[in-house]
Amino acid sequence: MIIFGTKLYVYQLAILTLTCRHCGNVAAHMLTKHVSKFTLFFVPLFPFSKTYATQCTFCGMEQVVPQQWAEESQAQAAAAAAAAPGEAPHYGAYGQPQQPQPQHPYQQPGA
């Protein structure tokens, strides 16, 4: 008897400050990577599916994003964290961060 199946692994890549399309709030969004792996006798052998998503921490809406956007956003978040380790972000007028944040790929311009 051969036992096979799949297992989903979720990796948290970064936390980004974005405007949510669903609730309209400027909130933290978790950028995650979902990897499905083929298993044989409960041992993960190889990945066969990979998707990236953001989830709003305010309302909980999750949205799939393109791989290129996810990788660029992760690099920007890592660079910002390396530039000022341990510092809280500086906010300007109306609670907006002073340094540019990545725009959500499905966000309406000006929203």
PDB file of N, CA and C in Angstrom:
ATOM      1  N   MET A   1       0.829  -1.169   0.000  1.00  0.00           N
ATOM      2  CA  MET A   1       0.000   0.000   0.000  1.00  0.00           C
ATOM      3  C   MET A   1       0.885   1.247   0.000  1.00  0.00           C
ATOM      4  N   ILE A   2       0.571   2.179  -0.883  1.00  0.00           N
ATOM      5  CA  ILE A   2       1.321   3.431  -0.989  1.00  0.00           C
ATOM      6  C   ILE A   2       0.436   4.558  -0.457  1.00  0.00           C
ATOM      7  N   ILE A   3       0.996   5.338   0.470  1.00  0.00           N
ATOM      8  CA  ILE A   3       0.268   6.473   1.035  1.00  0.00           C
ATOM      9  C   ILE A   3       0.857   7.750   0.461  1.00  0.00           C
ATOM     10  N   PHE A   4       0.010   8.521  -0.233  1.00  0.00           N
ATOM     11  CA  PHE A   4       0.491   9.775  -0.811  1.00  0.00           C
ATOM     12  C   PHE A   4      -0.571  10.849  -0.603  1.00  0.00           C
ATOM     13  N   GLY A   5      -0.168  12.096  -0.786  1.00  0.00           N
ATOM     14  CA  GLY A   5      -1.103  13.205  -0.627  1.00  0.00           C
ATOM     15  C   GLY A   5      -0.399  14.536  -0.820  1.00  0.00           C
ATOM     16  N   THR A   6      -0.980  15.573  -0.257  1.00  0.00           N
ATOM     17  CA  THR A   6      -0.402  16.912  -0.348  1.00  0.00           C
ATOM     18  C   THR A   6      -0.423  17.566   1.028  1.00  0.00           C
ATOM     19  N   LYS A   7       0.436  18.542   1.195  1.00  0.00           N
ATOM     20  CA  LYS A   7       0.467  19.326   2.428  1.00  0.00           C
ATOM     21  C   LYS A   7       0.714  20.775   2.048  1.00  0.00           C
ATOM     22  N   LEU A   8      -0.013  21.685   2.697  1.00  0.00           N
ATOM     23  CA  LEU A   8       0.121  23.112   2.438  1.00  0.00           C
ATOM     24  C   LEU A   8       1.009  23.731   3.509  1.00  0.00           C
ATOM     25  N   TYR A   9       2.013  24.484   3.079  1.00  0.00           N
ATOM     26  CA  TYR A   9       2.899  25.221   3.975  1.00  0.00           C
ATOM     27  C   TYR A   9       2.659  26.711   3.743  1.00  0.00           C
ATOM     28  N   VAL A  10       2.521  27.478   4.824  1.00  0.00           N
ATOM     29  CA  VAL A  10       2.298  28.915   4.736  1.00  0.00           C
ATOM     30  C   VAL A  10       3.479  29.617   5.395  1.00  0.00           C
ATOM     31  N   TYR A  11       4.142  30.494   4.629  1.00  0.00           N
ATOM     32  CA  TYR A  11       5.295  31.243   5.115  1.00  0.00           C
ATOM     33  C   TYR A  11       4.947  32.723   5.155  1.00  0.00           C
ATOM     34  N   GLN A  12       5.172  33.378   6.314  1.00  0.00           N
ATOM     35  CA  GLN A  12       4.955  34.817   6.411  1.00  0.00           C
ATOM     36  C   GLN A  12       6.216  35.514   5.933  1.00  0.00           C
ATOM     37  N   LEU A  13       6.096  36.348   4.881  1.00  0.00           N
ATOM     38  CA  LEU A  13       7.242  36.997   4.273  1.00  0.00           C
ATOM     39  C   LEU A  13       7.492  38.392   4.824  1.00  0.00           C
ATOM     40  N   ALA A  14       6.429  39.174   5.020  1.00  0.00           N
ATOM     41  CA  ALA A  14       6.589  40.556   5.479  1.00  0.00           C
ATOM     42  C   ALA A  14       5.255  41.074   5.986  1.00  0.00           C
ATOM     43  N   ILE A  15       5.323  42.216   6.670  1.00  0.00           N
ATOM     44  CA  ILE A  15       4.125  42.943   7.066  1.00  0.00           C
ATOM     45  C   ILE A  15       4.224  44.315   6.421  1.00  0.00           C
ATOM     46  N   LEU A  16       3.216  44.657   5.623  1.00  0.00           N
ATOM     47  CA  LEU A  16       3.211  45.893   4.853  1.00  0.00           C
ATOM     48  C   LEU A  16       2.060  46.787   5.315  1.00  0.00           C
ATOM     49  N   THR A  17       2.237  48.088   5.226  1.00  0.00           N
ATOM     50  CA  THR A  17       1.162  49.026   5.518  1.00  0.00           C
ATOM     51  C   THR A  17       0.543  49.450   4.193  1.00  0.00           C
ATOM     52  N   LEU A  18      -0.713  49.027   3.984  1.00  0.00           N
ATOM     53  CA  LEU A  18      -1.421  49.291   2.733  1.00  0.00           C
ATOM     54  C   LEU A  18      -2.848  49.737   3.030  1.00  0.00           C
ATOM     55  N   THR A  19      -3.500  50.296   2.036  1.00  0.00           N
ATOM     56  CA  THR A  19      -4.916  50.616   2.143  1.00  0.00           C
ATOM     57  C   THR A  19      -5.705  49.413   1.654  1.00  0.00           C
ATOM     58  N   CYS A  20      -6.571  48.922   2.501  1.00  0.00           N
ATOM     59  CA  CYS A  20      -7.353  47.720   2.165  1.00  0.00           C
ATOM     60  C   CYS A  20      -8.436  48.068   1.150  1.00  0.00           C
ATOM     61  N   ARG A  21      -8.585  47.220   0.144  1.00  0.00           N
ATOM     62  CA  ARG A  21      -9.617  47.413  -0.869  1.00  0.00           C
ATOM     63  C   ARG A  21     -11.001  47.147  -0.307  1.00  0.00           C
ATOM     64  N   HIS A  22     -11.082  46.282   0.688  1.00  0.00           N
ATOM     65  CA  HIS A  22     -12.393  45.876   1.208  1.00  0.00           C
ATOM     66  C   HIS A  22     -12.935  46.871   2.239  1.00  0.00           C
ATOM     67  N   CYS A  23     -12.138  47.175   3.269  1.00  0.00           N
ATOM     68  CA  CYS A  23     -12.620  48.037   4.351  1.00  0.00           C
ATOM     69  C   CYS A  23     -12.183  49.491   4.196  1.00  0.00           C
ATOM     70  N   GLY A  24     -11.181  49.776   3.338  1.00  0.00           N
ATOM     71  CA  GLY A  24     -10.730  51.144   3.104  1.00  0.00           C
ATOM     72  C   GLY A  24      -9.813  51.707   4.172  1.00  0.00           C
ATOM     73  N   ASN A  25      -9.436  50.915   5.160  1.00  0.00           N
ATOM     74  CA  ASN A  25      -8.558  51.381   6.231  1.00  0.00           C
ATOM     75  C   ASN A  25      -7.097  51.212   5.860  1.00  0.00           C
ATOM     76  N   VAL A  26      -6.262  52.143   6.323  1.00  0.00           N
ATOM     77  CA  VAL A  26      -4.816  51.980   6.199  1.00  0.00           C
ATOM     78  C   VAL A  26      -4.418  51.066   7.348  1.00  0.00           C
ATOM     79  N   ALA A  27      -4.020  49.848   7.025  1.00  0.00           N
ATOM     80  CA  ALA A  27      -3.743  48.853   8.053  1.00  0.00           C
ATOM     81  C   ALA A  27      -2.572  47.974   7.627  1.00  0.00           C
ATOM     82  N   ALA A  28      -2.078  47.219   8.580  1.00  0.00           N
ATOM     83  CA  ALA A  28      -1.012  46.258   8.290  1.00  0.00           C
ATOM     84  C   ALA A  28      -1.598  45.097   7.489  1.00  0.00           C
ATOM     85  N   HIS A  29      -0.847  44.648   6.512  1.00  0.00           N
ATOM     86  CA  HIS A  29      -1.217  43.484   5.700  1.00  0.00           C
ATOM     87  C   HIS A  29      -0.086  42.475   5.792  1.00  0.00           C
ATOM     88  N   MET A  30      -0.421  41.226   6.068  1.00  0.00           N
ATOM     89  CA  MET A  30       0.584  40.170   6.086  1.00  0.00           C
ATOM     90  C   MET A  30       0.766  39.652   4.664  1.00  0.00           C
ATOM     91  N   LEU A  31       1.997  39.622   4.223  1.00  0.00           N
ATOM     92  CA  LEU A  31       2.335  39.054   2.921  1.00  0.00           C
ATOM     93  C   LEU A  31       2.759  37.614   3.168  1.00  0.00           C
ATOM     94  N   THR A  32       2.036  36.666   2.590  1.00  0.00           N
ATOM     95  CA  THR A  32       2.314  35.257   2.823  1.00  0.00           C
ATOM     96  C   THR A  32       2.546  34.513   1.511  1.00  0.00           C
ATOM     97  N   LYS A  33       3.272  33.427   1.634  1.00  0.00           N
ATOM     98  CA  LYS A  33       3.550  32.537   0.499  1.00  0.00           C
ATOM     99  C   LYS A  33       2.957  31.173   0.847  1.00  0.00           C
ATOM    100  N   HIS A  34       2.101  30.654  -0.028  1.00  0.00           N
ATOM    101  CA  HIS A  34       1.451  29.360   0.182  1.00  0.00           C
ATOM    102  C   HIS A  34       2.085  28.349  -0.777  1.00  0.00           C
ATOM    103  N   VAL A  35       2.682  27.298  -0.232  1.00  0.00           N
ATOM    104  CA  VAL A  35       3.354  26.286  -1.040  1.00  0.00           C
ATOM    105  C   VAL A  35       2.702  24.933  -0.777  1.00  0.00           C
ATOM    106  N   SER A  36       2.208  24.290  -1.825  1.00  0.00           N
ATOM    107  CA  SER A  36       1.657  22.940  -1.722  1.00  0.00           C
ATOM    108  C   SER A  36       2.733  21.949  -2.147  1.00  0.00           C
ATOM    109  N   LYS A  37       2.947  20.933  -1.315  1.00  0.00           N
ATOM    110  CA  LYS A  37       3.977  19.929  -1.609  1.00  0.00           C
ATOM    111  C   LYS A  37       3.350  18.541  -1.687  1.00  0.00           C
ATOM    112  N   PHE A  38       3.859  17.753  -2.623  1.00  0.00           N
ATOM    113  CA  PHE A  38       3.459  16.358  -2.768  1.00  0.00           C
ATOM    114  C   PHE A  38       4.145  15.549  -1.675  1.00  0.00           C
ATOM    115  N   THR A  39       3.395  14.675  -0.999  1.00  0.00           N
ATOM    116  CA  THR A  39       3.973  13.853   0.069  1.00  0.00           C
ATOM    117  C   THR A  39       3.826  12.376  -0.269  1.00  0.00           C
ATOM    118  N   LEU A  40       4.826  11.619   0.106  1.00  0.00           N
ATOM    119  CA  LEU A  40       4.819  10.169  -0.044  1.00  0.00           C
ATOM    120  C   LEU A  40       5.185   9.582   1.309  1.00  0.00           C
ATOM    121  N   PHE A  41       4.283   8.812   1.887  1.00  0.00           N
ATOM    122  CA  PHE A  41       4.443   8.287   3.238  1.00  0.00           C
ATOM    123  C   PHE A  41       4.695   9.420   4.234  1.00  0.00           C
ATOM    124  N   PHE A  42       3.930  10.515   4.082  1.00  0.00           N
ATOM    125  CA  PHE A  42       3.961  11.688   4.957  1.00  0.00           C
ATOM    126  C   PHE A  42       5.273  12.461   4.905  1.00  0.00           C
ATOM    127  N   VAL A  43       6.102  12.200   3.906  1.00  0.00           N
ATOM    128  CA  VAL A  43       7.359  12.921   3.727  1.00  0.00           C
ATOM    129  C   VAL A  43       7.182  13.874   2.540  1.00  0.00           C
ATOM    130  N   PRO A  44       7.315  15.199   2.776  1.00  0.00           N
ATOM    131  CA  PRO A  44       7.178  16.130   1.645  1.00  0.00           C
ATOM    132  C   PRO A  44       8.328  15.960   0.666  1.00  0.00           C
ATOM    133  N   LEU A  45       7.991  15.764  -0.625  1.00  0.00           N
ATOM    134  CA  LEU A  45       9.028  15.504  -1.621  1.00  0.00           C
ATOM    135  C   LEU A  45       9.338  16.716  -2.491  1.00  0.00           C
ATOM    136  N   PHE A  46       8.325  17.308  -3.128  1.00  0.00           N
ATOM    137  CA  PHE A  46       8.579  18.437  -4.011  1.00  0.00           C
ATOM    138  C   PHE A  46       7.361  19.352  -4.051  1.00  0.00           C
ATOM    139  N   PRO A  47       7.602  20.654  -4.236  1.00  0.00           N
ATOM    140  CA  PRO A  47       6.472  21.591  -4.353  1.00  0.00           C
ATOM    141  C   PRO A  47       5.867  21.529  -5.758  1.00  0.00           C
ATOM    142  N   PHE A  48       4.554  21.668  -5.832  1.00  0.00           N
ATOM    143  CA  PHE A  48       3.914  21.681  -7.146  1.00  0.00           C
ATOM    144  C   PHE A  48       3.027  22.907  -7.344  1.00  0.00           C
ATOM    145  N   SER A  49       2.821  23.692  -6.302  1.00  0.00           N
ATOM    146  CA  SER A  49       2.007  24.890  -6.426  1.00  0.00           C
ATOM    147  C   SER A  49       2.525  25.952  -5.466  1.00  0.00           C
ATOM    148  N   LYS A  50       2.566  27.213  -5.953  1.00  0.00           N
ATOM    149  CA  LYS A  50       3.043  28.305  -5.120  1.00  0.00           C
ATOM    150  C   LYS A  50       2.213  29.541  -5.434  1.00  0.00           C
ATOM    151  N   THR A  51       1.631  30.161  -4.406  1.00  0.00           N
ATOM    152  CA  THR A  51       0.880  31.402  -4.580  1.00  0.00           C
ATOM    153  C   THR A  51       1.269  32.383  -3.480  1.00  0.00           C
ATOM    154  N   TYR A  52       1.077  33.667  -3.766  1.00  0.00           N
ATOM    155  CA  TYR A  52       1.351  34.724  -2.809  1.00  0.00           C
ATOM    156  C   TYR A  52       0.043  35.443  -2.513  1.00  0.00           C
ATOM    157  N   ALA A  53      -0.124  35.893  -1.265  1.00  0.00           N
ATOM    158  CA  ALA A  53      -1.349  36.587  -0.886  1.00  0.00           C
ATOM    159  C   ALA A  53      -1.061  37.622   0.192  1.00  0.00           C
ATOM    160  N   THR A  54      -1.942  38.623   0.268  1.00  0.00           N
ATOM    161  CA  THR A  54      -1.909  39.582   1.369  1.00  0.00           C
ATOM    162  C   THR A  54      -3.202  39.421   2.142  1.00  0.00           C
ATOM    163  N   GLN A  55      -3.114  39.630   3.467  1.00  0.00           N
ATOM    164  CA  GLN A  55      -4.301  39.556   4.309  1.00  0.00           C
ATOM    165  C   GLN A  55      -4.335  40.781   5.203  1.00  0.00           C
ATOM    166  N   CYS A  56      -5.449  41.502   5.165  1.00  0.00           N
ATOM    167  CA  CYS A  56      -5.639  42.694   5.983  1.00  0.00           C
ATOM    168  C   CYS A  56      -5.801  42.273   7.436  1.00  0.00           C
ATOM    169  N   THR A  57      -5.054  42.913   8.336  1.00  0.00           N
ATOM    170  CA  THR A  57      -5.167  42.576   9.754  1.00  0.00           C
ATOM    171  C   THR A  57      -6.361  43.269  10.397  1.00  0.00           C
ATOM    172  N   PHE A  58      -6.999  44.201   9.689  1.00  0.00           N
ATOM    173  CA  PHE A  58      -8.159  44.905  10.239  1.00  0.00           C
ATOM    174  C   PHE A  58      -9.448  44.136   9.970  1.00  0.00           C
ATOM    175  N   CYS A  59      -9.685  43.781   8.704  1.00  0.00           N
ATOM    176  CA  CYS A  59     -10.945  43.102   8.357  1.00  0.00           C
ATOM    177  C   CYS A  59     -10.764  41.621   8.023  1.00  0.00           C
ATOM    178  N   GLY A  60      -9.528  41.193   7.748  1.00  0.00           N
ATOM    179  CA  GLY A  60      -9.272  39.781   7.477  1.00  0.00           C
ATOM    180  C   GLY A  60      -9.379  39.366   6.023  1.00  0.00           C
ATOM    181  N   MET A  61      -9.639  40.314   5.118  1.00  0.00           N
ATOM    182  CA  MET A  61      -9.761  39.955   3.702  1.00  0.00           C
ATOM    183  C   MET A  61      -8.405  39.498   3.156  1.00  0.00           C
ATOM    184  N   GLU A  62      -8.404  38.378   2.472  1.00  0.00           N
ATOM    185  CA  GLU A  62      -7.178  37.852   1.862  1.00  0.00           C
ATOM    186  C   GLU A  62      -7.310  37.950   0.350  1.00  0.00           C
ATOM    187  N   GLN A  63      -6.200  38.358  -0.290  1.00  0.00           N
ATOM    188  CA  GLN A  63      -6.219  38.543  -1.739  1.00  0.00           C
ATOM    189  C   GLN A  63      -4.932  37.999  -2.344  1.00  0.00           C
ATOM    190  N   VAL A  64      -5.067  37.227  -3.410  1.00  0.00           N
ATOM    191  CA  VAL A  64      -3.912  36.680  -4.119  1.00  0.00           C
ATOM    192  C   VAL A  64      -3.255  37.811  -4.909  1.00  0.00           C
ATOM    193  N   VAL A  65      -1.913  37.868  -4.866  1.00  0.00           N
ATOM    194  CA  VAL A  65      -1.157  38.906  -5.568  1.00  0.00           C
ATOM    195  C   VAL A  65      -0.143  38.242  -6.492  1.00  0.00           C
ATOM    196  N   PRO A  66       0.332  38.951  -7.513  1.00  0.00           N
ATOM    197  CA  PRO A  66       1.335  38.387  -8.427  1.00  0.00           C
ATOM    198  C   PRO A  66       2.678  38.154  -7.713  1.00  0.00           C
ATOM    199  N   GLN A  67       3.406  37.164  -8.169  1.00  0.00           N
ATOM    200  CA  GLN A  67       4.688  36.800  -7.569  1.00  0.00           C
ATOM    201  C   GLN A  67       5.681  37.948  -7.640  1.00  0.00           C
ATOM    202  N   GLN A  68       5.761  38.639  -8.761  1.00  0.00           N
ATOM    203  CA  GLN A  68       6.725  39.722  -8.921  1.00  0.00           C
ATOM    204  C   GLN A  68       6.455  40.840  -7.912  1.00  0.00           C
ATOM    205  N   TRP A  69       5.188  41.226  -7.738  1.00  0.00           N
ATOM    206  CA  TRP A  69       4.847  42.272  -6.781  1.00  0.00           C
ATOM    207  C   TRP A  69       5.200  41.839  -5.363  1.00  0.00           C
ATOM    208  N   ALA A  70       4.923  40.573  -5.032  1.00  0.00           N
ATOM    209  CA  ALA A  70       5.211  40.067  -3.691  1.00  0.00           C
ATOM    210  C   ALA A  70       6.714  40.097  -3.403  1.00  0.00           C
ATOM    211  N   GLU A  71       7.517  39.691  -4.363  1.00  0.00           N
ATOM    212  CA  GLU A  71       8.964  39.683  -4.157  1.00  0.00           C
ATOM    213  C   GLU A  71       9.517  41.101  -4.031  1.00  0.00           C
ATOM    214  N   GLU A  72       9.003  42.049  -4.843  1.00  0.00           N
ATOM    215  CA  GLU A  72       9.454  43.440  -4.753  1.00  0.00           C
ATOM    216  C   GLU A  72       9.061  44.055  -3.409  1.00  0.00           C
ATOM    217  N   SER A  73       7.846  43.781  -2.948  1.00  0.00           N
ATOM    218  CA  SER A  73       7.374  44.313  -1.670  1.00  0.00           C
ATOM    219  C   SER A  73       8.168  43.737  -0.510  1.00  0.00           C
ATOM    220  N   GLN A  74       8.497  42.456  -0.603  1.00  0.00           N
ATOM    221  CA  GLN A  74       9.297  41.825   0.446  1.00  0.00           C
ATOM    222  C   GLN A  74      10.686  42.455   0.500  1.00  0.00           C
ATOM    223  N   ALA A  75      11.287  42.721  -0.655  1.00  0.00           N
ATOM    224  CA  ALA A  75      12.608  43.346  -0.698  1.00  0.00           C
ATOM    225  C   ALA A  75      12.562  44.759  -0.128  1.00  0.00           C
ATOM    226  N   GLN A  76      11.523  45.530  -0.445  1.00  0.00           N
ATOM    227  CA  GLN A  76      11.388  46.882   0.092  1.00  0.00           C
ATOM    228  C   GLN A  76      11.214  46.862   1.604  1.00  0.00           C
ATOM    229  N   ALA A  77      10.419  45.928   2.117  1.00  0.00           N
ATOM    230  CA  ALA A  77      10.204  45.826   3.558  1.00  0.00           C
ATOM    231  C   ALA A  77      11.495  45.427   4.265  1.00  0.00           C
ATOM    232  N   ALA A  78      12.277  44.523   3.670  1.00  0.00           N
ATOM    233  CA  ALA A  78      13.544  44.111   4.269  1.00  0.00           C
ATOM    234  C   ALA A  78      14.548  45.258   4.259  1.00  0.00           C
ATOM    235  N   ALA A  79      14.570  46.040   3.178  1.00  0.00           N
ATOM    236  CA  ALA A  79      15.487  47.180   3.095  1.00  0.00           C
ATOM    237  C   ALA A  79      15.110  48.236   4.118  1.00  0.00           C
ATOM    238  N   ALA A  80      13.828  48.490   4.321  1.00  0.00           N
ATOM    239  CA  ALA A  80      13.388  49.477   5.309  1.00  0.00           C
ATOM    240  C   ALA A  80      13.724  49.020   6.724  1.00  0.00           C
ATOM    241  N   ALA A  81      13.594  47.724   6.988  1.00  0.00           N
ATOM    242  CA  ALA A  81      13.912  47.202   8.315  1.00  0.00           C
ATOM    243  C   ALA A  81      15.415  47.231   8.570  1.00  0.00           C
ATOM    244  N   ALA A  82      16.209  46.998   7.534  1.00  0.00           N
ATOM    245  CA  ALA A  82      17.668  47.013   7.694  1.00  0.00           C
ATOM    246  C   ALA A  82      18.199  48.433   7.850  1.00  0.00           C
ATOM    247  N   ALA A  83      17.526  49.405   7.238  1.00  0.00           N
ATOM    248  CA  ALA A  83      17.984  50.792   7.315  1.00  0.00           C
ATOM    249  C   ALA A  83      17.792  51.366   8.706  1.00  0.00           C
ATOM    250  N   ALA A  84      16.743  50.971   9.397  1.00  0.00           N
ATOM    251  CA  ALA A  84      16.466  51.506  10.728  1.00  0.00           C
ATOM    252  C   ALA A  84      16.005  50.385  11.653  1.00  0.00           C
ATOM    253  N   PRO A  85      16.922  49.521  12.110  1.00  0.00           N
ATOM    254  CA  PRO A  85      16.507  48.414  12.975  1.00  0.00           C
ATOM    255  C   PRO A  85      16.029  48.924  14.337  1.00  0.00           C
ATOM    256  N   GLY A  86      14.905  48.413  14.797  1.00  0.00           N
ATOM    257  CA  GLY A  86      14.384  48.757  16.108  1.00  0.00           C
ATOM    258  C   GLY A  86      13.641  50.073  16.166  1.00  0.00           C
ATOM    259  N   GLU A  87      13.594  50.827  15.083  1.00  0.00           N
ATOM    260  CA  GLU A  87      12.895  52.104  15.077  1.00  0.00           C
ATOM    261  C   GLU A  87      11.468  51.911  14.592  1.00  0.00           C
ATOM    262  N   ALA A  88      10.575  52.675  15.182  1.00  0.00           N
ATOM    263  CA  ALA A  88       9.193  52.688  14.707  1.00  0.00           C
ATOM    264  C   ALA A  88       9.142  53.559  13.459  1.00  0.00           C
ATOM    265  N   PRO A  89       8.240  53.278  12.533  1.00  0.00           N
ATOM    266  CA  PRO A  89       8.157  54.112  11.331  1.00  0.00           C
ATOM    267  C   PRO A  89       7.728  55.532  11.692  1.00  0.00           C
ATOM    268  N   HIS A  90       8.218  56.506  10.949  1.00  0.00           N
ATOM    269  CA  HIS A  90       7.862  57.899  11.160  1.00  0.00           C
ATOM    270  C   HIS A  90       6.644  58.217  10.324  1.00  0.00           C
ATOM    271  N   TYR A  91       5.653  58.844  10.972  1.00  0.00           N
ATOM    272  CA  TYR A  91       4.424  59.163  10.268  1.00  0.00           C
ATOM    273  C   TYR A  91       4.301  60.674  10.098  1.00  0.00           C
ATOM    274  N   GLY A  92       3.825  61.069   8.942  1.00  0.00           N
ATOM    275  CA  GLY A  92       3.629  62.480   8.632  1.00  0.00           C
ATOM    276  C   GLY A  92       2.185  62.875   8.874  1.00  0.00           C
ATOM    277  N   ALA A  93       1.717  63.850   8.114  1.00  0.00           N
ATOM    278  CA  ALA A  93       0.350  64.332   8.253  1.00  0.00           C
ATOM    279  C   ALA A  93      -0.658  63.244   7.908  1.00  0.00           C
ATOM    280  N   TYR A  94      -1.753  63.232   8.591  1.00  0.00           N
ATOM    281  CA  TYR A  94      -2.867  62.309   8.369  1.00  0.00           C
ATOM    282  C   TYR A  94      -2.474  60.842   8.584  1.00  0.00           C
ATOM    283  N   GLY A  95      -1.440  60.591   9.362  1.00  0.00           N
ATOM    284  CA  GLY A  95      -1.053  59.227   9.690  1.00  0.00           C
ATOM    285  C   GLY A  95      -0.424  58.451   8.562  1.00  0.00           C
ATOM    286  N   GLN A  96      -0.002  59.118   7.490  1.00  0.00           N
ATOM    287  CA  GLN A  96       0.604  58.420   6.360  1.00  0.00           C
ATOM    288  C   GLN A  96       2.104  58.285   6.577  1.00  0.00           C
ATOM    289  N   PRO A  97       2.693  57.148   6.290  1.00  0.00           N
ATOM    290  CA  PRO A  97       4.145  56.998   6.424  1.00  0.00           C
ATOM    291  C   PRO A  97       4.872  57.951   5.484  1.00  0.00           C
ATOM    292  N   GLN A  98       6.008  58.478   5.938  1.00  0.00           N
ATOM    293  CA  GLN A  98       6.754  59.417   5.123  1.00  0.00           C
ATOM    294  C   GLN A  98       7.513  58.716   4.007  1.00  0.00           C
ATOM    295  N   GLN A  99       7.955  57.495   4.226  1.00  0.00           N
ATOM    296  CA  GLN A  99       8.651  56.787   3.163  1.00  0.00           C
ATOM    297  C   GLN A  99       7.620  56.090   2.271  1.00  0.00           C
ATOM    298  N   PRO A 100       7.871  56.005   0.973  1.00  0.00           N
ATOM    299  CA  PRO A 100       6.873  55.416   0.072  1.00  0.00           C
ATOM    300  C   PRO A 100       6.658  53.943   0.368  1.00  0.00           C
ATOM    301  N   GLN A 101       5.398  53.541   0.326  1.00  0.00           N
ATOM    302  CA  GLN A 101       5.020  52.155   0.553  1.00  0.00           C
ATOM    303  C   GLN A 101       4.576  51.561  -0.779  1.00  0.00           C
ATOM    304  N   PRO A 102       4.720  50.253  -0.956  1.00  0.00           N
ATOM    305  CA  PRO A 102       4.280  49.646  -2.209  1.00  0.00           C
ATOM    306  C   PRO A 102       2.767  49.745  -2.345  1.00  0.00           C
ATOM    307  N   GLN A 103       2.312  50.033  -3.546  1.00  0.00           N
ATOM    308  CA  GLN A 103       0.875  50.102  -3.799  1.00  0.00           C
ATOM    309  C   GLN A 103       0.384  48.700  -4.104  1.00  0.00           C
ATOM    310  N   HIS A 104      -0.746  48.368  -3.520  1.00  0.00           N
ATOM    311  CA  HIS A 104      -1.331  47.054  -3.735  1.00  0.00           C
ATOM    312  C   HIS A 104      -1.646  46.905  -5.220  1.00  0.00           C
ATOM    313  N   PRO A 105      -1.333  45.786  -5.865  1.00  0.00           N
ATOM    314  CA  PRO A 105      -1.504  45.656  -7.304  1.00  0.00           C
ATOM    315  C   PRO A 105      -2.950  45.763  -7.779  1.00  0.00           C
ATOM    316  N   TYR A 106      -3.920  45.490  -6.901  1.00  0.00           N
ATOM    317  CA  TYR A 106      -5.319  45.546  -7.309  1.00  0.00           C
ATOM    318  C   TYR A 106      -6.020  46.746  -6.711  1.00  0.00           C
ATOM    319  N   GLN A 107      -5.270  47.674  -6.142  1.00  0.00           N
ATOM    320  CA  GLN A 107      -5.856  48.861  -5.530  1.00  0.00           C
ATOM    321  C   GLN A 107      -6.161  49.891  -6.609  1.00  0.00           C
ATOM    322  N   GLN A 108      -7.291  50.556  -6.464  1.00  0.00           N
ATOM    323  CA  GLN A 108      -7.655  51.593  -7.426  1.00  0.00           C
ATOM    324  C   GLN A 108      -6.744  52.789  -7.222  1.00  0.00           C
ATOM    325  N   PRO A 109      -6.247  53.427  -8.284  1.00  0.00           N
ATOM    326  CA  PRO A 109      -5.395  54.598  -8.134  1.00  0.00           C
ATOM    327  C   PRO A 109      -6.142  55.711  -7.405  1.00  0.00           C
ATOM    328  N   GLY A 110      -5.459  56.323  -6.450  1.00  0.00           N
ATOM    329  CA  GLY A 110      -6.036  57.415  -5.692  1.00  0.00           C
ATOM    330  C   GLY A 110      -6.980  56.964  -4.582  1.00  0.00           C
ATOM    331  N   ALA A 111      -7.141  55.650  -4.398  1.00  0.00           N
ATOM    332  CA  ALA A 111      -8.041  55.165  -3.352  1.00  0.00           C
ATOM    333  C   ALA A 111      -7.300  54.960  -2.062  1.00  0.00           C
TER     334      ALA A 111
END
